[in-house]
C-alpha cells in the first residue's frame, strides 16, 4: 500500500502541469478551459468518449457562444456529427442547455439541489433529469447515450464524474470553477476502460464488471491513499492506462 501510494503520488505530481495537455497530447480539457462556461465544460465532458484526438477535433467545431443566444439562432446553426450523435442530437443538447437559466450558476444550483437530497449521485441524476425535461420530449439513441438514464445508474458515469472532477478540483489541469461547493472526498473516480484495466492490474479493483460499482470500489481504495482528495490520482491513472505503461517505469 505504501509503495503504491508513493508511486501514484509521484505520477500525479509529475502529470499536474499545464503542458501535460496540448495538441500533441490532446484532452477535452483543452477545449473546456477555453469555453469559460459551466455549460460549455459539460458539453466537452459529455462528448468525451472515443479517442482524445477525435474528441478535441469535434469539440473545436462547436460554437459555444450559441448557449447564450436565442433558440432560433441554435435552430439555424450548423452542427456536425460525432460517433453515436447526429447533428440533430447535438443541436438538441445545445437547445436544452440554453434553457437551464440565465444565471452562470444555474447548472451548479441544479446539481446542489440533488446533492442535498442524496449526495453526488443524486446530484448527477438531477442534472440529467433537468436536461431531459428541457429537451421537449426529443428522443434518439444518440441523445439518450449522451445524457444517460437517471433512473438506472449502472454504467460508471465516467463522463459525468469527470465533469465534476474538473469543476470541484483546482490544480494545473482541473478547472475548479465549483471549488468548495462540495468536498473533494465526495468525488467518484471517472472510470474509463483504460483506467479500469490498470486498476484491476494494480489490484485497486477486484470487481470484474465495468460498472458504477467498480468506480465506487476504486474510489474507496484511493481514499485509503488520500482520504481528502482521492480523485487527484485520476488523470495519472488515465494517462498510464492510455499509454499502456507500467507504474514506476
Protein backbone atom coordinates (compact mmCIF):
# COMPACT_ATOMS: atom_id res chain seq x y z
CA UNK A 1 0.00 0.00 0.00
CA UNK A 2 2.75 2.48 0.96
CA UNK A 3 4.73 1.68 -2.20
CA UNK A 4 1.63 2.13 -4.39
CA UNK A 5 0.83 5.42 -2.67
CA UNK A 6 4.37 6.69 -3.24
CA UNK A 7 4.33 5.68 -6.92
CA UNK A 8 0.89 7.19 -7.56
CA UNK A 9 1.74 10.36 -5.65
CA UNK A 10 4.84 10.78 -7.80
CA UNK A 11 2.93 10.12 -11.01
CA UNK A 12 0.11 12.52 -10.07
CA UNK A 13 2.60 15.24 -9.20
CA UNK A 14 4.53 14.82 -12.45
CA UNK A 15 1.32 14.93 -14.52
CA UNK A 16 -0.02 18.02 -12.75
CA UNK A 17 1.42 20.61 -15.09
CA UNK A 18 -0.11 22.78 -17.79
CA UNK A 19 1.87 21.24 -20.65
CA UNK A 20 0.53 17.76 -19.85
CA UNK A 21 -2.34 18.54 -22.23
CA UNK A 22 -1.68 20.06 -25.64
CA UNK A 23 -2.50 19.48 -29.29
CA UNK A 24 0.23 16.84 -29.26
CA UNK A 25 -1.23 15.28 -26.09
CA UNK A 26 -4.92 16.13 -26.51
CA UNK A 27 -7.56 16.05 -23.83
CA UNK A 28 -11.08 17.57 -23.82
CA UNK A 29 -9.94 19.86 -21.01
CA UNK A 30 -8.11 21.80 -23.74
CA UNK A 31 -11.46 22.97 -25.09
CA UNK A 32 -13.31 23.08 -21.76
CA UNK A 33 -10.79 25.62 -20.44
CA UNK A 34 -11.49 27.92 -23.37
CA UNK A 35 -15.29 27.84 -23.02
CA UNK A 36 -15.12 29.64 -19.64
CA UNK A 37 -18.64 28.32 -19.12
CA UNK A 38 -20.14 25.61 -16.89
CA UNK A 39 -22.43 24.55 -19.74
CA UNK A 40 -19.57 24.54 -22.24
CA UNK A 41 -17.48 22.39 -19.92
CA UNK A 42 -20.39 19.97 -19.52
CA UNK A 43 -20.72 19.64 -23.30
CA UNK A 44 -16.99 18.87 -23.50
CA UNK A 45 -17.38 16.19 -20.83
CA UNK A 46 -20.46 14.58 -22.37
CA UNK A 47 -18.71 14.12 -25.72
CA UNK A 48 -15.61 12.69 -24.04
CA UNK A 49 -15.77 9.17 -25.36
CA UNK A 50 -13.61 7.70 -28.10
CA UNK A 51 -10.06 8.78 -28.89
CA UNK A 52 -8.88 12.01 -27.29
CA UNK A 53 -7.80 13.37 -30.66
CA UNK A 54 -11.24 12.76 -32.21
CA UNK A 55 -12.95 14.31 -29.19
CA UNK A 56 -10.90 17.51 -29.33
CA UNK A 57 -11.25 17.76 -33.11
CA UNK A 58 -15.04 17.59 -32.80
CA UNK A 59 -15.27 19.96 -29.82
CA UNK A 60 -13.25 22.56 -31.71
CA UNK A 61 -16.04 22.71 -34.31
CA UNK A 62 -18.67 23.78 -31.77
CA UNK A 63 -19.76 27.38 -31.29
CA UNK A 64 -20.26 27.59 -27.51
CA UNK A 65 -21.46 31.20 -27.77
CA UNK A 66 -24.75 29.76 -29.06
CA UNK A 67 -25.59 28.74 -25.48
CA UNK A 68 -26.30 32.40 -24.72
CA UNK A 69 -28.29 33.02 -27.90
CA UNK A 70 -31.93 32.51 -28.86
CA UNK A 71 -33.42 29.10 -29.67
CA UNK A 72 -33.90 30.33 -33.23
CA UNK A 73 -30.17 31.02 -33.53
CA UNK A 74 -29.42 27.49 -32.34
CA UNK A 75 -32.00 26.04 -34.74
CA UNK A 76 -30.36 27.84 -37.66
CA UNK A 77 -26.77 26.98 -36.71
CA UNK A 78 -24.89 24.15 -38.43
CA UNK A 79 -23.78 21.24 -36.27
CA UNK A 80 -21.53 18.34 -37.12
CA UNK A 81 -21.83 14.68 -36.15
CA UNK A 82 -19.83 12.72 -33.60
CA UNK A 83 -19.85 8.92 -33.45
CA UNK A 84 -23.29 7.99 -31.95
CA UNK A 85 -24.68 11.53 -32.24
CA UNK A 86 -26.08 13.06 -35.41
CA UNK A 87 -26.31 16.80 -35.95
CA UNK A 88 -29.84 16.98 -34.51
CA UNK A 89 -28.69 15.29 -31.29
CA UNK A 90 -26.00 17.96 -30.89
CA UNK A 91 -28.48 20.76 -31.66
CA UNK A 92 -30.98 19.43 -29.11
CA UNK A 93 -28.28 19.32 -26.43
CA UNK A 94 -27.46 22.99 -27.06
CA UNK A 95 -31.18 23.88 -27.04
CA UNK A 96 -31.82 22.04 -23.76
CA UNK A 97 -28.79 23.52 -22.00
CA UNK A 98 -29.57 27.04 -23.24
CA UNK A 99 -32.91 26.91 -21.38
CA UNK A 100 -31.49 25.93 -17.98
CA UNK A 101 -31.41 29.54 -16.86
CA UNK A 102 -29.79 32.92 -17.38
CA UNK A 103 -27.54 32.68 -14.34
CA UNK A 104 -23.98 31.39 -14.89
CA UNK A 105 -24.56 29.34 -11.72
CA UNK A 106 -27.75 27.67 -12.98
CA UNK A 107 -26.19 24.25 -13.55
CA UNK A 108 -24.41 24.36 -10.19
CA UNK A 109 -27.71 25.15 -8.47
CA UNK A 110 -29.39 22.19 -10.16
CA UNK A 111 -26.56 19.89 -9.06
CA UNK A 112 -26.68 21.16 -5.47
CA UNK A 113 -30.46 20.71 -5.35
CA UNK A 114 -29.97 17.00 -5.98
CA UNK A 115 -26.81 16.72 -3.90
CA UNK A 116 -28.63 17.98 -0.80
CA UNK A 117 -31.19 15.20 -1.19
CA UNK A 118 -28.86 12.28 -1.83
CA UNK A 119 -25.21 13.12 -2.39
CA UNK A 120 -23.20 13.18 -5.57
CA UNK A 121 -25.13 10.50 -7.48
CA UNK A 122 -28.43 12.26 -6.81
CA UNK A 123 -26.78 15.49 -7.98
CA UNK A 124 -25.88 13.82 -11.28
CA UNK A 125 -29.39 12.42 -11.64
CA UNK A 126 -30.89 15.86 -11.07
CA UNK A 127 -28.71 17.38 -13.80
CA UNK A 128 -29.63 14.55 -16.18
CA UNK A 129 -33.34 14.96 -15.47
CA UNK A 130 -33.14 18.73 -15.95
CA UNK A 131 -31.61 18.31 -19.41
CA UNK A 132 -34.07 15.61 -20.45
CA UNK A 133 -37.03 17.69 -19.20
CA UNK A 134 -35.86 20.66 -21.25
CA UNK A 135 -35.31 18.63 -24.40
CA UNK A 136 -39.01 18.95 -25.27
CA UNK A 137 -39.52 15.20 -25.49
CA UNK A 138 -36.77 14.76 -28.07
CA UNK A 139 -35.76 11.12 -28.26
CA UNK A 140 -32.98 9.32 -30.08
CA UNK A 141 -30.48 6.63 -29.16
CA UNK A 142 -27.62 9.09 -29.64
CA UNK A 143 -29.18 11.72 -27.39
CA UNK A 144 -30.02 9.17 -24.70
CA UNK A 145 -26.46 7.84 -24.79
CA UNK A 146 -25.12 11.39 -24.42
CA UNK A 147 -27.17 12.22 -21.30
CA UNK A 148 -27.57 8.77 -19.76
CA UNK A 149 -30.52 7.31 -17.88
CA UNK A 150 -31.08 8.98 -14.49
CA UNK A 151 -33.40 6.16 -13.42
CA UNK A 152 -30.81 3.40 -13.94
CA UNK A 153 -27.30 4.31 -12.85
CA UNK A 154 -25.47 1.13 -13.79
CA UNK A 155 -22.68 2.45 -16.03
CA UNK A 156 -19.58 4.01 -14.38
CA UNK A 157 -20.91 7.51 -15.25
CA UNK A 158 -17.38 8.31 -16.40
CA UNK A 159 -18.26 11.49 -18.30
CA UNK A 160 -20.43 12.95 -15.52
CA UNK A 161 -17.87 12.12 -12.84
CA UNK A 162 -15.13 13.62 -14.99
CA UNK A 163 -17.15 16.84 -15.35
CA UNK A 164 -17.45 17.04 -11.55
CA UNK A 165 -13.73 16.36 -11.16
CA UNK A 166 -13.00 19.28 -13.49
CA UNK A 167 -15.36 21.58 -11.63
CA UNK A 168 -14.68 20.70 -7.98
CA UNK A 169 -10.91 20.21 -8.08
CA UNK A 170 -8.46 23.03 -8.80
CA UNK A 171 -4.91 22.41 -9.95
CA UNK A 172 -2.87 22.85 -13.14
CA UNK A 173 -5.34 20.62 -15.01
CA UNK A 174 -8.74 20.77 -13.31
CA UNK A 175 -10.79 23.95 -13.61
CA UNK A 176 -12.02 24.45 -10.05
CA UNK A 177 -14.98 26.59 -11.13
CA UNK A 178 -17.09 24.95 -8.39
CA UNK A 179 -14.26 24.69 -5.89
CA UNK A 180 -15.60 24.37 -2.34
CA UNK A 181 -19.17 23.60 -3.42
CA UNK A 182 -18.77 20.03 -2.15
CA UNK A 183 -15.84 18.20 -0.58
CA UNK A 184 -13.28 16.72 -2.96
CA UNK A 185 -13.53 13.50 -0.94
CA UNK A 186 -17.10 13.03 -2.25
CA UNK A 187 -15.99 12.74 -5.89
CA UNK A 188 -16.17 9.37 -7.67
CA UNK A 189 -13.39 8.15 -9.94
CA UNK A 190 -14.25 8.80 -13.64
CA UNK A 191 -13.61 5.19 -14.57
CA UNK A 192 -12.90 4.57 -18.27
CA UNK A 193 -11.79 1.33 -19.88
CA UNK A 194 -8.07 2.23 -19.71
CA UNK A 195 -8.30 3.12 -16.01
CA UNK A 196 -10.43 0.06 -15.28
CA UNK A 197 -7.86 -2.30 -16.80
CA UNK A 198 -4.99 -0.62 -14.93
CA UNK A 199 -6.90 -0.58 -11.62
CA UNK A 200 -7.55 -4.31 -11.93
CA UNK A 201 -3.86 -4.90 -12.64
CA UNK A 202 -2.85 -2.86 -9.60
CA UNK A 203 -5.50 -4.67 -7.50
CA UNK A 204 -7.26 -1.40 -6.80
CA UNK A 205 -10.40 -3.09 -8.15
CA UNK A 206 -11.44 -6.69 -7.58
CA UNK A 207 -14.74 -6.40 -9.42
CA UNK A 208 -14.75 -7.88 -12.92
CA UNK A 209 -17.63 -5.82 -14.34
CA UNK A 210 -17.01 -2.36 -15.77
CA UNK A 211 -19.82 -0.52 -13.98
CA UNK A 212 -20.67 2.04 -11.32
CA UNK A 213 -19.88 -0.40 -8.51
CA UNK A 214 -16.35 -0.77 -9.91
CA UNK A 215 -15.93 3.03 -9.98
CA UNK A 216 -17.07 3.27 -6.36
CA UNK A 217 -14.80 0.38 -5.34
CA UNK A 218 -11.80 2.09 -6.93
CA UNK A 219 -12.72 5.37 -5.23
CA UNK A 220 -12.90 3.72 -1.82
CA UNK A 221 -9.45 2.22 -2.35
CA UNK A 222 -7.98 5.57 -3.40
CA UNK A 223 -9.44 7.14 -0.25
CA UNK A 224 -7.04 4.95 1.69
CA UNK A 225 -4.19 6.69 -0.14
CA UNK A 226 -5.62 10.20 0.21
CA UNK A 227 -8.89 10.48 2.15
CA UNK A 228 -9.26 14.20 1.37
CA UNK A 229 -8.60 14.15 -2.39
CA UNK A 230 -8.74 10.58 -3.74
CA UNK A 231 -9.51 11.62 -7.32
CA UNK A 232 -6.24 13.53 -7.65
CA UNK A 233 -4.91 10.21 -8.99
CA UNK A 234 -7.44 10.01 -11.83
CA UNK A 235 -5.54 11.81 -14.58
CA UNK A 236 -2.32 9.91 -13.80
CA UNK A 237 -4.16 6.57 -13.89
CA UNK A 238 -5.87 7.54 -17.13
CA UNK A 239 -2.61 8.51 -18.84
CA UNK A 240 -0.82 5.39 -17.59
CA UNK A 241 -3.62 3.21 -18.93
CA UNK A 242 -3.76 5.14 -22.19
CA UNK A 243 0.00 4.85 -22.66
CA UNK A 244 -0.01 1.19 -21.53
CA UNK A 245 2.88 1.97 -19.22
CA UNK A 246 3.77 0.10 -16.05
CA UNK A 247 3.57 2.15 -12.89
CA UNK A 248 7.11 3.04 -11.87
CA UNK A 249 8.57 2.89 -15.40
